[in-house]
Structures are given as structure tokens and as C-alpha cells.
């Protein structure tokens, strides 16, 4: 199987399309084409919106919510296998 860009894509911008993919399906450092500078912009906007005093509390709350969501999803998967 040929894995050149020309073999996979046609068109004038074939040389700009990514050919190498991350083992888990992403395109690079982060998944879905998200670049590190995107994260920096999101963090800067969050700092502007919430302020430097409330930002740690917001981050802590998001972390707790993510842990609860993960544990609930794990419990649902365990119920499905039983």
C-alpha cells in the first residue's frame, strides 16, 4: 500500500494535509488538531473572565467534577458488565 500524500489525497492542497497520525487517533501533541497555543489562549481567556483570585477555585471545582464524572462512568460500566 502506498502512503504518499498524492496517493491518499488529490487537489491543490494535498501537500498540506497530515499523513502521520498519533497512535490513538490524534494529529500531534493533542488530539483533534488542538495545538498547544490553543490551550494557552483558552487559559488566558479564563484568566481574564474569572480573575487570578477565582481561577484556582474554578480549576479545583472542575477537577472535582471530572473525578466524579469519571467514577460515575466507571460505575455504570461495571453495572453493564454484571
N, C-alpha and C. Protein backbone atom coordinates (compact mmCIF):
# COMPACT_ATOMS: atom_id res chain seq x y z
N UNK A 1 0.84 -1.18 0.00
CA UNK A 1 0.00 0.00 0.00
C UNK A 1 0.89 1.24 0.00
N UNK A 2 0.57 2.16 -0.82
CA UNK A 2 1.35 3.39 -0.94
C UNK A 2 0.81 4.42 0.05
N UNK A 3 1.69 5.06 0.79
CA UNK A 3 1.23 6.02 1.80
C UNK A 3 1.71 7.43 1.51
N UNK A 4 1.86 7.77 0.25
CA UNK A 4 2.24 9.14 -0.07
C UNK A 4 1.01 10.02 -0.05
N UNK A 5 1.23 11.29 0.09
CA UNK A 5 0.10 12.23 0.09
C UNK A 5 -0.66 12.18 -1.22
N UNK A 6 0.06 12.10 -2.31
CA UNK A 6 -0.59 12.08 -3.62
C UNK A 6 -1.47 10.85 -3.78
N UNK A 7 -1.07 9.73 -3.18
CA UNK A 7 -1.87 8.52 -3.28
C UNK A 7 -3.14 8.60 -2.43
N UNK A 8 -3.10 9.35 -1.35
CA UNK A 8 -4.24 9.42 -0.45
C UNK A 8 -5.17 10.59 -0.73
N UNK A 9 -4.62 11.71 -1.17
CA UNK A 9 -5.40 12.92 -1.35
C UNK A 9 -5.12 13.52 -2.73
N UNK A 10 -6.14 14.06 -3.33
CA UNK A 10 -5.97 14.78 -4.58
C UNK A 10 -6.30 16.24 -4.33
N UNK A 11 -5.82 17.10 -5.18
CA UNK A 11 -6.17 18.50 -5.06
C UNK A 11 -4.95 19.38 -4.87
N UNK A 12 -5.18 20.68 -4.92
CA UNK A 12 -4.06 21.61 -4.87
C UNK A 12 -3.40 21.70 -3.50
N UNK A 13 -4.08 21.28 -2.44
CA UNK A 13 -3.52 21.41 -1.10
C UNK A 13 -3.12 20.06 -0.52
N UNK A 14 -2.84 19.09 -1.35
CA UNK A 14 -2.51 17.75 -0.87
C UNK A 14 -1.24 17.76 -0.03
N UNK A 15 -0.31 18.67 -0.31
CA UNK A 15 0.93 18.69 0.46
C UNK A 15 0.73 19.27 1.86
N UNK A 16 -0.40 19.90 2.13
CA UNK A 16 -0.66 20.48 3.45
C UNK A 16 -1.40 19.52 4.38
N UNK A 17 -1.89 18.43 3.88
CA UNK A 17 -2.67 17.51 4.69
C UNK A 17 -1.75 16.59 5.49
N UNK A 18 -2.11 16.30 6.76
CA UNK A 18 -1.26 15.44 7.58
C UNK A 18 -1.32 14.00 7.12
N UNK A 19 -0.18 13.34 7.14
CA UNK A 19 -0.13 11.93 6.74
C UNK A 19 0.14 11.05 7.95
N UNK A 20 0.94 11.53 8.89
CA UNK A 20 1.27 10.77 10.08
C UNK A 20 0.27 11.08 11.17
N UNK A 21 -0.26 10.04 11.75
CA UNK A 21 -1.26 10.23 12.80
C UNK A 21 -0.72 9.69 14.12
N UNK A 22 -1.23 10.25 15.20
CA UNK A 22 -0.89 9.79 16.54
C UNK A 22 -1.46 8.39 16.71
N UNK A 23 -0.81 7.50 17.47
CA UNK A 23 -1.31 6.13 17.63
C UNK A 23 -2.74 6.04 18.15
N UNK A 24 -3.19 7.04 18.90
CA UNK A 24 -4.56 7.00 19.42
C UNK A 24 -5.54 7.76 18.54
N UNK A 25 -5.11 8.24 17.41
CA UNK A 25 -6.03 8.89 16.50
C UNK A 25 -5.89 10.39 16.41
N UNK A 26 -5.05 11.00 17.20
CA UNK A 26 -4.86 12.44 17.14
C UNK A 26 -3.87 12.80 16.05
N UNK A 27 -3.56 14.07 15.94
CA UNK A 27 -2.66 14.53 14.89
C UNK A 27 -1.32 15.00 15.41
N UNK A 28 -1.16 15.13 16.66
CA UNK A 28 0.09 15.67 17.16
C UNK A 28 0.13 15.59 18.66
N UNK A 29 0.54 16.71 19.26
CA UNK A 29 0.69 16.73 20.70
C UNK A 29 -0.65 16.49 21.40
N UNK A 30 -1.69 17.09 20.90
CA UNK A 30 -3.02 16.92 21.47
C UNK A 30 -3.95 16.36 20.40
N UNK A 31 -5.07 15.83 20.82
CA UNK A 31 -5.99 15.19 19.87
C UNK A 31 -6.81 16.22 19.11
N UNK A 32 -7.35 15.79 17.98
CA UNK A 32 -8.28 16.57 17.16
C UNK A 32 -7.69 17.87 16.64
N UNK A 33 -6.41 17.89 16.39
CA UNK A 33 -5.78 19.05 15.80
C UNK A 33 -5.61 20.22 16.75
N UNK A 34 -5.82 20.02 18.03
CA UNK A 34 -5.66 21.09 19.01
C UNK A 34 -4.17 21.30 19.25
N UNK A 35 -3.73 22.51 19.07
CA UNK A 35 -2.32 22.84 19.24
C UNK A 35 -2.08 23.42 20.63
N UNK A 36 -0.84 23.40 21.10
CA UNK A 36 -0.55 23.96 22.43
C UNK A 36 -0.92 25.44 22.55
N UNK A 37 -0.81 26.20 21.48
CA UNK A 37 -1.15 27.62 21.58
C UNK A 37 -2.64 27.83 21.75
N UNK A 38 -3.47 26.86 21.31
CA UNK A 38 -4.91 26.93 21.57
C UNK A 38 -5.17 26.87 23.08
N UNK A 39 -4.46 25.98 23.75
CA UNK A 39 -4.62 25.84 25.20
C UNK A 39 -4.19 27.12 25.90
N UNK A 40 -3.12 27.74 25.44
CA UNK A 40 -2.65 28.99 26.03
C UNK A 40 -3.71 30.08 25.89
N UNK A 41 -4.34 30.15 24.73
CA UNK A 41 -5.38 31.16 24.51
C UNK A 41 -6.57 30.91 25.43
N UNK A 42 -6.99 29.66 25.56
CA UNK A 42 -8.11 29.33 26.44
C UNK A 42 -7.79 29.69 27.89
N UNK A 43 -6.56 29.40 28.32
CA UNK A 43 -6.17 29.74 29.69
C UNK A 43 -6.12 31.25 29.90
N UNK A 44 -5.66 31.99 28.90
CA UNK A 44 -5.62 33.45 29.01
C UNK A 44 -7.03 34.03 29.10
N UNK A 45 -7.95 33.51 28.31
CA UNK A 45 -9.34 33.98 28.37
C UNK A 45 -9.96 33.63 29.72
N UNK A 46 -9.68 32.43 30.22
CA UNK A 46 -10.20 32.04 31.53
C UNK A 46 -9.66 32.96 32.62
N UNK A 47 -8.39 33.33 32.51
CA UNK A 47 -7.81 34.25 33.49
C UNK A 47 -8.49 35.61 33.43
N UNK A 48 -8.80 36.07 32.23
CA UNK A 48 -9.49 37.36 32.09
C UNK A 48 -10.92 37.30 32.62
N UNK A 49 -11.61 36.18 32.37
CA UNK A 49 -13.01 36.06 32.77
C UNK A 49 -13.14 35.88 34.28
N UNK A 50 -12.37 34.96 34.85
CA UNK A 50 -12.53 34.62 36.26
C UNK A 50 -11.62 35.42 37.19
N UNK A 51 -10.55 35.95 36.68
CA UNK A 51 -9.61 36.69 37.53
C UNK A 51 -8.63 35.76 38.22
N UNK A 52 -7.53 36.32 38.66
CA UNK A 52 -6.47 35.49 39.24
C UNK A 52 -6.84 34.93 40.61
N UNK A 53 -7.76 35.56 41.31
CA UNK A 53 -8.14 35.07 42.64
C UNK A 53 -9.13 33.91 42.57
N UNK A 54 -10.04 33.94 41.60
CA UNK A 54 -11.05 32.87 41.49
C UNK A 54 -10.61 31.72 40.62
N UNK A 55 -9.60 31.90 39.78
CA UNK A 55 -9.19 30.85 38.84
C UNK A 55 -8.77 29.55 39.53
N UNK A 56 -7.98 29.57 40.62
CA UNK A 56 -7.66 28.30 41.28
C UNK A 56 -8.89 27.57 41.81
N UNK A 57 -9.85 28.32 42.34
CA UNK A 57 -11.08 27.69 42.83
C UNK A 57 -11.88 27.06 41.69
N UNK A 58 -11.94 27.75 40.57
CA UNK A 58 -12.65 27.22 39.40
C UNK A 58 -11.96 25.96 38.90
N UNK A 59 -10.64 25.98 38.83
CA UNK A 59 -9.89 24.80 38.36
C UNK A 59 -10.08 23.63 39.32
N UNK A 60 -10.06 23.90 40.61
CA UNK A 60 -10.27 22.85 41.61
C UNK A 60 -11.67 22.25 41.47
N UNK A 61 -12.66 23.09 41.25
CA UNK A 61 -14.03 22.62 41.08
C UNK A 61 -14.17 21.77 39.82
N UNK A 62 -13.53 22.20 38.74
CA UNK A 62 -13.56 21.40 37.51
C UNK A 62 -12.89 20.05 37.71
N UNK A 63 -11.79 20.03 38.44
CA UNK A 63 -11.11 18.77 38.72
C UNK A 63 -11.98 17.82 39.52
N UNK A 64 -12.65 18.35 40.53
CA UNK A 64 -13.56 17.51 41.33
C UNK A 64 -14.70 16.98 40.47
N UNK A 65 -15.26 17.83 39.64
CA UNK A 65 -16.35 17.41 38.76
C UNK A 65 -15.90 16.33 37.79
N UNK A 66 -14.69 16.47 37.26
CA UNK A 66 -14.16 15.46 36.34
C UNK A 66 -13.97 14.13 37.05
N UNK A 67 -13.48 14.16 38.30
CA UNK A 67 -13.31 12.93 39.07
C UNK A 67 -14.64 12.25 39.34
N UNK A 68 -15.66 13.03 39.70
CA UNK A 68 -16.99 12.47 39.96
C UNK A 68 -17.55 11.86 38.68
N UNK A 69 -17.43 12.57 37.58
CA UNK A 69 -17.92 12.06 36.30
C UNK A 69 -17.22 10.76 35.92
N UNK A 70 -15.91 10.72 36.11
CA UNK A 70 -15.15 9.52 35.77
C UNK A 70 -15.56 8.34 36.65
N UNK A 71 -15.75 8.58 37.94
CA UNK A 71 -16.15 7.49 38.83
C UNK A 71 -17.56 7.00 38.52
N UNK A 72 -18.46 7.91 38.17
CA UNK A 72 -19.82 7.51 37.80
C UNK A 72 -19.82 6.71 36.50
N UNK A 73 -19.02 7.13 35.54
CA UNK A 73 -18.92 6.39 34.28
C UNK A 73 -18.35 5.00 34.52
N UNK A 74 -17.35 4.90 35.40
CA UNK A 74 -16.77 3.61 35.74
C UNK A 74 -17.81 2.72 36.41
N UNK A 75 -18.64 3.30 37.29
CA UNK A 75 -19.68 2.53 37.97
C UNK A 75 -20.74 2.04 36.99
N UNK A 76 -21.10 2.88 36.03
CA UNK A 76 -22.07 2.46 35.01
C UNK A 76 -21.53 1.33 34.15
N UNK A 77 -20.25 1.41 33.79
CA UNK A 77 -19.65 0.32 33.01
C UNK A 77 -19.62 -0.96 33.81
N UNK A 78 -19.35 -0.86 35.11
CA UNK A 78 -19.33 -2.05 35.96
C UNK A 78 -20.72 -2.66 36.06
N UNK A 79 -21.76 -1.83 36.11
CA UNK A 79 -23.13 -2.34 36.15
C UNK A 79 -23.51 -3.04 34.85
N UNK A 80 -23.02 -2.51 33.73
CA UNK A 80 -23.34 -3.10 32.43
C UNK A 80 -22.70 -4.47 32.26
N UNK A 81 -21.55 -4.69 32.85
CA UNK A 81 -20.87 -5.98 32.69
C UNK A 81 -21.42 -7.03 33.64
N UNK A 82 -22.17 -6.62 34.65
CA UNK A 82 -22.72 -7.58 35.63
C UNK A 82 -24.00 -8.15 35.14
